[in-house]
Amino acid sequence: MSEVLKIETILSDDEVNINIIGQIDEDSNFSKILEISKNIYILNLQEVTLINSCGVREWINFIEKIPKNSKIIYTNVPQIVVEQMNMVKGFLRNNDEIAAFYAPYYNETSDRIVSILLKTNQIIDEKAPTMKDDTGEELEFDAIEAQYFNFIKQQGS
């Protein structure tokens, strides 16, 4: 049995901040969000733990129901969701914006991959920004930049 998706909403005048927590799968229910009508939907995906193929289908069905004149802004997008944005046509709408997302960097000293939160405007010419660990050691971007940052081309198009 899958983990039930949790959705937290915070309403303000013109926008709604939405925290999506847990697994996006065939049992995901986004109706709580669809009951809200705002000009801006800010989707915080930081706590999404899984998205499977059925979840991608449910996601696309969900975002297609958000009013076309509303803007969707994604923030704290984990790598598992970035990968879906890059692979699946229709995962993002034309006027969507990705404000911040996690990117994989390799730390040679600890032999670990670390996720670093980046702002989309830090990516210039499909190049990952230089990042350092707490000791000042430079980290190595751990993906193919042109592929990983492909979703950036899709926003606002």
N, C-alpha and C. Protein backbone atom coordinates (compact mmCIF):
# COMPACT_ATOMS: atom_id res chain seq x y z
N MET A 1 0.85 -1.19 0.00
CA MET A 1 0.00 0.00 0.00
C MET A 1 0.89 1.24 0.00
N SER A 2 0.49 2.22 -0.80
CA SER A 2 1.31 3.42 -0.92
C SER A 2 1.01 4.42 0.20
N GLU A 3 1.97 5.28 0.39
CA GLU A 3 1.85 6.35 1.37
C GLU A 3 0.85 7.38 0.83
N VAL A 4 -0.07 7.84 1.67
CA VAL A 4 -1.06 8.81 1.24
C VAL A 4 -0.39 10.17 1.05
N LEU A 5 -0.65 10.78 -0.10
CA LEU A 5 -0.10 12.09 -0.40
C LEU A 5 -0.75 13.12 0.52
N LYS A 6 0.06 13.98 1.10
CA LYS A 6 -0.43 15.03 1.99
C LYS A 6 -0.27 16.37 1.29
N ILE A 7 -1.30 17.19 1.37
CA ILE A 7 -1.27 18.51 0.74
C ILE A 7 -1.62 19.56 1.79
N GLU A 8 -0.73 20.52 1.96
CA GLU A 8 -0.96 21.64 2.88
C GLU A 8 -1.08 22.92 2.05
N THR A 9 -2.09 23.73 2.33
CA THR A 9 -2.27 24.97 1.57
C THR A 9 -2.28 26.17 2.52
N ILE A 10 -1.68 27.25 2.03
CA ILE A 10 -1.70 28.53 2.74
C ILE A 10 -2.17 29.57 1.74
N LEU A 11 -3.33 30.15 2.00
CA LEU A 11 -3.93 31.12 1.08
C LEU A 11 -3.53 32.54 1.44
N SER A 12 -3.29 33.35 0.43
CA SER A 12 -3.13 34.79 0.62
C SER A 12 -3.95 35.46 -0.48
N ASP A 13 -3.86 36.77 -0.59
CA ASP A 13 -4.75 37.51 -1.49
C ASP A 13 -4.82 36.93 -2.90
N ASP A 14 -3.68 36.88 -3.56
CA ASP A 14 -3.66 36.53 -4.97
C ASP A 14 -3.05 35.17 -5.27
N GLU A 15 -2.54 34.50 -4.21
CA GLU A 15 -1.83 33.26 -4.45
C GLU A 15 -2.13 32.22 -3.38
N VAL A 16 -1.73 31.00 -3.70
CA VAL A 16 -1.82 29.91 -2.74
C VAL A 16 -0.46 29.21 -2.71
N ASN A 17 0.06 29.02 -1.51
CA ASN A 17 1.29 28.25 -1.31
C ASN A 17 0.89 26.83 -0.95
N ILE A 18 1.44 25.88 -1.67
CA ILE A 18 1.03 24.48 -1.52
C ILE A 18 2.26 23.63 -1.24
N ASN A 19 2.23 22.92 -0.13
CA ASN A 19 3.28 21.93 0.18
C ASN A 19 2.74 20.57 -0.20
N ILE A 20 3.45 19.88 -1.07
CA ILE A 20 3.07 18.53 -1.47
C ILE A 20 4.06 17.58 -0.82
N ILE A 21 3.52 16.64 -0.03
CA ILE A 21 4.35 15.80 0.82
C ILE A 21 4.04 14.32 0.57
N GLY A 22 5.08 13.55 0.27
CA GLY A 22 4.91 12.10 0.12
C GLY A 22 5.05 11.64 -1.30
N GLN A 23 4.34 10.57 -1.63
CA GLN A 23 4.46 9.91 -2.92
C GLN A 23 3.38 10.38 -3.89
N ILE A 24 3.78 10.65 -5.12
CA ILE A 24 2.82 10.95 -6.19
C ILE A 24 2.69 9.67 -7.00
N ASP A 25 1.53 9.05 -6.88
CA ASP A 25 1.29 7.77 -7.55
C ASP A 25 -0.16 7.68 -7.99
N GLU A 26 -0.62 6.47 -8.33
CA GLU A 26 -1.98 6.29 -8.84
C GLU A 26 -3.06 6.65 -7.82
N ASP A 27 -2.71 6.72 -6.55
CA ASP A 27 -3.69 7.05 -5.51
C ASP A 27 -3.67 8.54 -5.13
N SER A 28 -2.85 9.32 -5.79
CA SER A 28 -2.74 10.75 -5.46
C SER A 28 -4.03 11.48 -5.79
N ASN A 29 -4.45 12.32 -4.84
CA ASN A 29 -5.68 13.07 -4.99
C ASN A 29 -5.36 14.56 -4.83
N PHE A 30 -5.50 15.29 -5.91
CA PHE A 30 -5.18 16.73 -5.91
C PHE A 30 -6.43 17.60 -5.82
N SER A 31 -7.58 17.00 -5.50
CA SER A 31 -8.84 17.75 -5.51
C SER A 31 -8.83 18.93 -4.54
N LYS A 32 -8.11 18.82 -3.43
CA LYS A 32 -8.03 19.92 -2.46
C LYS A 32 -7.47 21.18 -3.13
N ILE A 33 -6.49 21.00 -4.01
CA ILE A 33 -5.90 22.13 -4.71
C ILE A 33 -6.86 22.67 -5.76
N LEU A 34 -7.55 21.78 -6.44
CA LEU A 34 -8.44 22.20 -7.52
C LEU A 34 -9.67 22.95 -7.02
N GLU A 35 -9.95 22.86 -5.72
CA GLU A 35 -11.06 23.62 -5.13
C GLU A 35 -10.68 25.09 -4.95
N ILE A 36 -9.41 25.41 -5.09
CA ILE A 36 -8.89 26.76 -4.88
C ILE A 36 -8.74 27.46 -6.22
N SER A 37 -9.14 28.71 -6.28
CA SER A 37 -8.95 29.48 -7.51
C SER A 37 -8.15 30.75 -7.19
N LYS A 38 -6.90 30.75 -7.61
CA LYS A 38 -6.01 31.88 -7.39
C LYS A 38 -5.25 32.17 -8.68
N ASN A 39 -4.65 33.36 -8.76
CA ASN A 39 -3.85 33.71 -9.94
C ASN A 39 -2.48 33.03 -9.94
N ILE A 40 -1.95 32.76 -8.73
CA ILE A 40 -0.62 32.15 -8.63
C ILE A 40 -0.70 30.95 -7.69
N TYR A 41 -0.16 29.83 -8.17
CA TYR A 41 -0.04 28.60 -7.38
C TYR A 41 1.45 28.36 -7.17
N ILE A 42 1.91 28.41 -5.92
CA ILE A 42 3.31 28.14 -5.62
C ILE A 42 3.38 26.73 -5.04
N LEU A 43 4.00 25.83 -5.79
CA LEU A 43 4.07 24.42 -5.41
C LEU A 43 5.44 24.11 -4.82
N ASN A 44 5.48 23.83 -3.53
CA ASN A 44 6.70 23.44 -2.85
C ASN A 44 6.75 21.91 -2.88
N LEU A 45 7.70 21.36 -3.63
CA LEU A 45 7.79 19.92 -3.83
C LEU A 45 8.92 19.28 -3.01
N GLN A 46 9.48 20.02 -2.08
CA GLN A 46 10.65 19.56 -1.34
C GLN A 46 10.44 18.19 -0.70
N GLU A 47 9.25 17.90 -0.23
CA GLU A 47 9.03 16.65 0.50
C GLU A 47 8.37 15.57 -0.35
N VAL A 48 8.43 15.70 -1.68
CA VAL A 48 7.97 14.62 -2.54
C VAL A 48 9.04 13.53 -2.49
N THR A 49 8.60 12.31 -2.13
CA THR A 49 9.55 11.22 -1.92
C THR A 49 9.60 10.25 -3.09
N LEU A 50 8.59 10.27 -3.95
CA LEU A 50 8.53 9.35 -5.07
C LEU A 50 7.52 9.87 -6.08
N ILE A 51 7.78 9.61 -7.36
CA ILE A 51 6.78 9.84 -8.39
C ILE A 51 6.95 8.71 -9.40
N ASN A 52 5.90 7.90 -9.54
CA ASN A 52 5.99 6.79 -10.49
C ASN A 52 5.21 7.14 -11.76
N SER A 53 5.17 6.21 -12.72
CA SER A 53 4.55 6.51 -14.02
C SER A 53 3.06 6.84 -13.87
N CYS A 54 2.38 6.13 -12.99
CA CYS A 54 0.96 6.45 -12.76
C CYS A 54 0.83 7.82 -12.09
N GLY A 55 1.77 8.14 -11.23
CA GLY A 55 1.78 9.46 -10.59
C GLY A 55 2.00 10.58 -11.60
N VAL A 56 2.83 10.32 -12.60
CA VAL A 56 3.04 11.31 -13.66
C VAL A 56 1.72 11.56 -14.39
N ARG A 57 1.00 10.51 -14.69
CA ARG A 57 -0.30 10.64 -15.35
C ARG A 57 -1.26 11.46 -14.48
N GLU A 58 -1.33 11.15 -13.20
CA GLU A 58 -2.21 11.90 -12.28
C GLU A 58 -1.78 13.36 -12.20
N TRP A 59 -0.46 13.61 -12.20
CA TRP A 59 0.07 14.97 -12.14
C TRP A 59 -0.37 15.78 -13.37
N ILE A 60 -0.19 15.20 -14.54
CA ILE A 60 -0.55 15.90 -15.78
C ILE A 60 -2.05 16.19 -15.80
N ASN A 61 -2.87 15.22 -15.41
CA ASN A 61 -4.32 15.44 -15.34
C ASN A 61 -4.65 16.58 -14.37
N PHE A 62 -3.94 16.63 -13.26
CA PHE A 62 -4.14 17.66 -12.24
C PHE A 62 -3.78 19.05 -12.77
N ILE A 63 -2.57 19.22 -13.31
CA ILE A 63 -2.16 20.58 -13.72
C ILE A 63 -2.97 21.08 -14.92
N GLU A 64 -3.49 20.17 -15.72
CA GLU A 64 -4.33 20.59 -16.85
C GLU A 64 -5.64 21.21 -16.36
N LYS A 65 -6.03 20.92 -15.12
CA LYS A 65 -7.29 21.45 -14.57
C LYS A 65 -7.11 22.79 -13.86
N ILE A 66 -5.87 23.18 -13.63
CA ILE A 66 -5.62 24.51 -13.04
C ILE A 66 -5.93 25.54 -14.11
N PRO A 67 -6.66 26.60 -13.78
CA PRO A 67 -7.04 27.58 -14.80
C PRO A 67 -5.84 28.04 -15.63
N LYS A 68 -6.03 28.11 -16.93
CA LYS A 68 -4.94 28.45 -17.87
C LYS A 68 -4.37 29.84 -17.62
N ASN A 69 -5.18 30.75 -17.09
CA ASN A 69 -4.71 32.11 -16.84
C ASN A 69 -3.97 32.24 -15.50
N SER A 70 -3.87 31.15 -14.76
CA SER A 70 -3.12 31.13 -13.51
C SER A 70 -1.69 30.70 -13.78
N LYS A 71 -0.78 31.19 -12.96
CA LYS A 71 0.63 30.84 -13.10
C LYS A 71 0.99 29.81 -12.03
N ILE A 72 1.80 28.83 -12.42
CA ILE A 72 2.31 27.85 -11.47
C ILE A 72 3.80 28.11 -11.29
N ILE A 73 4.21 28.26 -10.04
CA ILE A 73 5.62 28.45 -9.72
C ILE A 73 6.06 27.25 -8.86
N TYR A 74 7.07 26.54 -9.34
CA TYR A 74 7.61 25.39 -8.62
C TYR A 74 8.79 25.83 -7.79
N THR A 75 8.87 25.31 -6.56
CA THR A 75 10.02 25.62 -5.73
C THR A 75 10.47 24.36 -4.99
N ASN A 76 11.75 24.33 -4.66
CA ASN A 76 12.34 23.20 -3.93
C ASN A 76 12.06 21.87 -4.62
N VAL A 77 12.25 21.85 -5.92
CA VAL A 77 11.94 20.67 -6.73
C VAL A 77 13.05 19.63 -6.56
N PRO A 78 12.70 18.43 -6.05
CA PRO A 78 13.72 17.40 -5.88
C PRO A 78 14.14 16.79 -7.23
N GLN A 79 15.28 16.11 -7.22
CA GLN A 79 15.82 15.53 -8.44
C GLN A 79 14.84 14.56 -9.10
N ILE A 80 14.08 13.79 -8.31
CA ILE A 80 13.15 12.83 -8.91
C ILE A 80 12.07 13.52 -9.73
N VAL A 81 11.72 14.74 -9.35
CA VAL A 81 10.71 15.48 -10.12
C VAL A 81 11.38 16.18 -11.31
N VAL A 82 12.59 16.71 -11.12
CA VAL A 82 13.32 17.32 -12.24
C VAL A 82 13.44 16.31 -13.38
N GLU A 83 13.75 15.06 -13.05
CA GLU A 83 13.88 14.03 -14.08
C GLU A 83 12.58 13.84 -14.86
N GLN A 84 11.46 13.91 -14.19
CA GLN A 84 10.16 13.79 -14.88
C GLN A 84 9.89 15.02 -15.75
N MET A 85 10.23 16.20 -15.24
CA MET A 85 10.07 17.43 -16.03
C MET A 85 10.84 17.33 -17.34
N ASN A 86 12.02 16.72 -17.26
CA ASN A 86 12.86 16.59 -18.45
C ASN A 86 12.38 15.53 -19.42
N MET A 87 11.74 14.49 -18.92
CA MET A 87 11.37 13.35 -19.77
C MET A 87 9.96 13.42 -20.33
N VAL A 88 9.03 14.02 -19.59
CA VAL A 88 7.62 13.87 -19.92
C VAL A 88 7.04 15.17 -20.46
N LYS A 89 6.66 15.13 -21.72
CA LYS A 89 5.99 16.29 -22.33
C LYS A 89 4.65 16.48 -21.63
N GLY A 90 4.36 17.71 -21.25
CA GLY A 90 3.11 18.00 -20.58
C GLY A 90 3.23 18.04 -19.06
N PHE A 91 4.39 17.65 -18.52
CA PHE A 91 4.57 17.71 -17.07
C PHE A 91 4.51 19.16 -16.60
N LEU A 92 5.08 20.05 -17.42
CA LEU A 92 5.02 21.49 -17.16
C LEU A 92 4.10 22.14 -18.18
N ARG A 93 3.38 23.16 -17.73
CA ARG A 93 2.59 23.95 -18.68
C ARG A 93 3.47 25.05 -19.25
N ASN A 94 3.01 25.68 -20.31
CA ASN A 94 3.82 26.70 -20.99
C ASN A 94 4.17 27.90 -20.11
N ASN A 95 3.27 28.30 -19.22
CA ASN A 95 3.56 29.50 -18.42
C ASN A 95 4.13 29.19 -17.04
N ASP A 96 4.53 27.93 -16.81
CA ASP A 96 5.09 27.55 -15.52
C ASP A 96 6.48 28.15 -15.32
N GLU A 97 6.84 28.30 -14.05
CA GLU A 97 8.16 28.82 -13.69
C GLU A 97 8.76 27.92 -12.62
N ILE A 98 10.02 27.58 -12.77
CA ILE A 98 10.73 26.83 -11.75
C ILE A 98 11.64 27.82 -11.04
N ALA A 99 11.32 28.10 -9.78
CA ALA A 99 12.09 29.09 -9.02
C ALA A 99 13.35 28.49 -8.42
N ALA A 100 13.24 27.27 -7.87
CA ALA A 100 14.38 26.63 -7.21
C ALA A 100 14.23 25.12 -7.29
N PHE A 101 15.37 24.45 -7.42
CA PHE A 101 15.37 23.00 -7.58
C PHE A 101 16.66 22.44 -7.00
N TYR A 102 16.64 21.16 -6.72
CA TYR A 102 17.83 20.49 -6.19
C TYR A 102 18.62 19.87 -7.33
N ALA A 103 19.94 19.93 -7.20
CA ALA A 103 20.84 19.38 -8.21
C ALA A 103 21.89 18.52 -7.50
N PRO A 104 22.32 17.43 -8.16
CA PRO A 104 23.28 16.53 -7.54
C PRO A 104 24.73 16.99 -7.74
N TYR A 105 25.47 17.03 -6.67
CA TYR A 105 26.89 17.34 -6.70
C TYR A 105 27.64 16.23 -5.97
N TYR A 106 28.82 15.93 -6.47
CA TYR A 106 29.65 14.88 -5.87
C TYR A 106 30.72 15.50 -4.99
N ASN A 107 30.83 14.98 -3.76
CA ASN A 107 31.85 15.41 -2.83
C ASN A 107 32.91 14.31 -2.78
N GLU A 108 34.07 14.58 -3.36
CA GLU A 108 35.13 13.59 -3.47
C GLU A 108 35.66 13.15 -2.10
N THR A 109 35.79 14.08 -1.17
CA THR A 109 36.33 13.75 0.14
C THR A 109 35.45 12.73 0.87
N SER A 110 34.14 12.95 0.86
CA SER A 110 33.23 12.04 1.57
C SER A 110 32.73 10.92 0.67
N ASP A 111 33.04 10.99 -0.64
CA ASP A 111 32.56 10.01 -1.62
C ASP A 111 31.04 9.90 -1.58
N ARG A 112 30.39 11.07 -1.53
CA ARG A 112 28.92 11.12 -1.45
C ARG A 112 28.36 12.11 -2.47
N ILE A 113 27.14 11.82 -2.86
CA ILE A 113 26.38 12.76 -3.68
C ILE A 113 25.57 13.62 -2.71
N VAL A 114 25.63 14.92 -2.90
CA VAL A 114 24.83 15.83 -2.08
C VAL A 114 23.88 16.60 -2.99
N SER A 115 22.70 16.85 -2.47
CA SER A 115 21.72 17.64 -3.22
C SER A 115 21.85 19.09 -2.78
N ILE A 116 22.01 19.96 -3.74
CA ILE A 116 22.17 21.39 -3.44
C ILE A 116 21.03 22.16 -4.10
N LEU A 117 20.39 23.01 -3.31
CA LEU A 117 19.29 23.83 -3.82
C LEU A 117 19.85 24.96 -4.67
N LEU A 118 19.40 25.02 -5.91
CA LEU A 118 19.83 26.07 -6.83
C LEU A 118 18.62 26.90 -7.25
N LYS A 119 18.87 28.15 -7.54
CA LYS A 119 17.85 28.98 -8.17
C LYS A 119 18.05 28.89 -9.67
N THR A 120 16.96 28.90 -10.39
CA THR A 120 17.04 28.73 -11.84
C THR A 120 17.93 29.79 -12.48
N ASN A 121 17.91 31.00 -11.94
CA ASN A 121 18.72 32.06 -12.55
C ASN A 121 20.23 31.86 -12.33
N GLN A 122 20.62 30.85 -11.55
CA GLN A 122 22.05 30.53 -11.38
C GLN A 122 22.59 29.72 -12.56
N ILE A 123 21.70 29.19 -13.38
CA ILE A 123 22.11 28.36 -14.50
C ILE A 123 22.25 29.26 -15.72
N ILE A 124 23.47 29.39 -16.20
CA ILE A 124 23.75 30.23 -17.36
C ILE A 124 24.40 29.35 -18.43
N ASP A 125 23.84 29.39 -19.61
CA ASP A 125 24.34 28.57 -20.73
C ASP A 125 24.44 27.09 -20.37
N GLU A 126 23.43 26.61 -19.66
CA GLU A 126 23.34 25.20 -19.26
C GLU A 126 24.54 24.73 -18.44
N LYS A 127 25.15 25.62 -17.71
CA LYS A 127 26.31 25.28 -16.88
C LYS A 127 25.94 25.34 -15.40
N ALA A 128 26.33 24.31 -14.66
CA ALA A 128 26.09 24.28 -13.22
C ALA A 128 27.01 25.27 -12.52
N PRO A 129 26.49 25.99 -11.55
CA PRO A 129 27.36 26.91 -10.81
C PRO A 129 28.36 26.13 -9.96
N THR A 130 29.48 26.75 -9.69
CA THR A 130 30.49 26.16 -8.82
C THR A 130 29.96 26.20 -7.39
N MET A 131 30.02 25.04 -6.74
CA MET A 131 29.55 24.95 -5.35
C MET A 131 30.68 24.34 -4.52
N LYS A 132 30.70 24.69 -3.24
CA LYS A 132 31.72 24.18 -2.32
C LYS A 132 31.05 23.59 -1.09
N ASP A 133 31.76 22.65 -0.46
CA ASP A 133 31.24 22.10 0.79
C ASP A 133 31.61 23.02 1.95
N ASP A 134 31.29 22.59 3.16
CA ASP A 134 31.54 23.42 4.35
C ASP A 134 33.02 23.70 4.59
N THR A 135 33.91 22.85 4.05
CA THR A 135 35.34 23.05 4.25
C THR A 135 35.97 23.88 3.14
N GLY A 136 35.16 24.24 2.13
CA GLY A 136 35.67 25.03 1.01
C GLY A 136 36.10 24.20 -0.18
N GLU A 137 35.94 22.87 -0.08
CA GLU A 137 36.30 22.00 -1.20
C GLU A 137 35.25 22.14 -2.30
N GLU A 138 35.75 22.27 -3.54
CA GLU A 138 34.84 22.40 -4.67
C GLU A 138 34.16 21.07 -4.95
N LEU A 139 32.85 21.13 -5.18
CA LEU A 139 32.06 19.94 -5.50
C LEU A 139 31.95 19.81 -7.02
N GLU A 140 31.74 18.60 -7.48
CA GLU A 140 31.62 18.34 -8.91
C GLU A 140 30.15 18.07 -9.25
N PHE A 141 29.63 18.77 -10.25
CA PHE A 141 28.25 18.53 -10.67
C PHE A 141 28.14 17.09 -11.15
N ASP A 142 27.13 16.36 -10.68
CA ASP A 142 27.06 14.92 -10.92
C ASP A 142 25.93 14.53 -11.88
N ALA A 143 25.85 15.21 -12.99
CA ALA A 143 24.89 14.87 -14.05
C ALA A 143 25.39 15.53 -15.33
N ILE A 144 24.76 15.20 -16.42
CA ILE A 144 25.09 15.85 -17.68
C ILE A 144 24.29 17.16 -17.72
N GLU A 145 25.01 18.25 -17.71
CA GLU A 145 24.35 19.56 -17.53
C GLU A 145 23.26 19.82 -18.58
N ALA A 146 23.56 19.61 -19.84
CA ALA A 146 22.58 19.90 -20.89
C ALA A 146 21.30 19.09 -20.70
N GLN A 147 21.43 17.87 -20.21
CA GLN A 147 20.24 17.04 -19.97
C GLN A 147 19.53 17.45 -18.69
N TYR A 148 20.29 17.63 -17.61
CA TYR A 148 19.67 17.93 -16.32
C TYR A 148 18.94 19.27 -16.33
N PHE A 149 19.49 20.25 -17.01
CA PHE A 149 18.89 21.59 -17.03
C PHE A 149 17.93 21.79 -18.19
N ASN A 150 17.60 20.76 -18.90
CA ASN A 150 16.69 20.86 -20.05
C ASN A 150 15.35 21.47 -19.67
N PHE A 151 14.84 21.16 -18.48
CA PHE A 151 13.54 21.67 -18.06
C PHE A 151 13.50 23.20 -18.03
N ILE A 152 14.64 23.84 -17.85
CA ILE A 152 14.68 25.31 -17.77
C ILE A 152 14.20 25.92 -19.10
N LYS A 153 14.53 25.26 -20.21
CA LYS A 153 14.10 25.76 -21.52
C LYS A 153 12.58 25.72 -21.67
N GLN A 154 11.93 24.83 -20.94
CA GLN A 154 10.49 24.65 -21.07
C GLN A 154 9.68 25.71 -20.34
N GLN A 155 10.27 26.31 -19.31
CA GLN A 155 9.49 27.26 -18.52
C GLN A 155 9.27 28.56 -19.26
N GLY A 156 8.09 29.08 -19.08
CA GLY A 156 7.75 30.37 -19.65
C GLY A 156 7.77 30.43 -21.16
N SER A 157 7.71 29.26 -21.81
CA SER A 157 7.75 29.27 -23.28
C SER A 157 6.37 29.35 -23.87
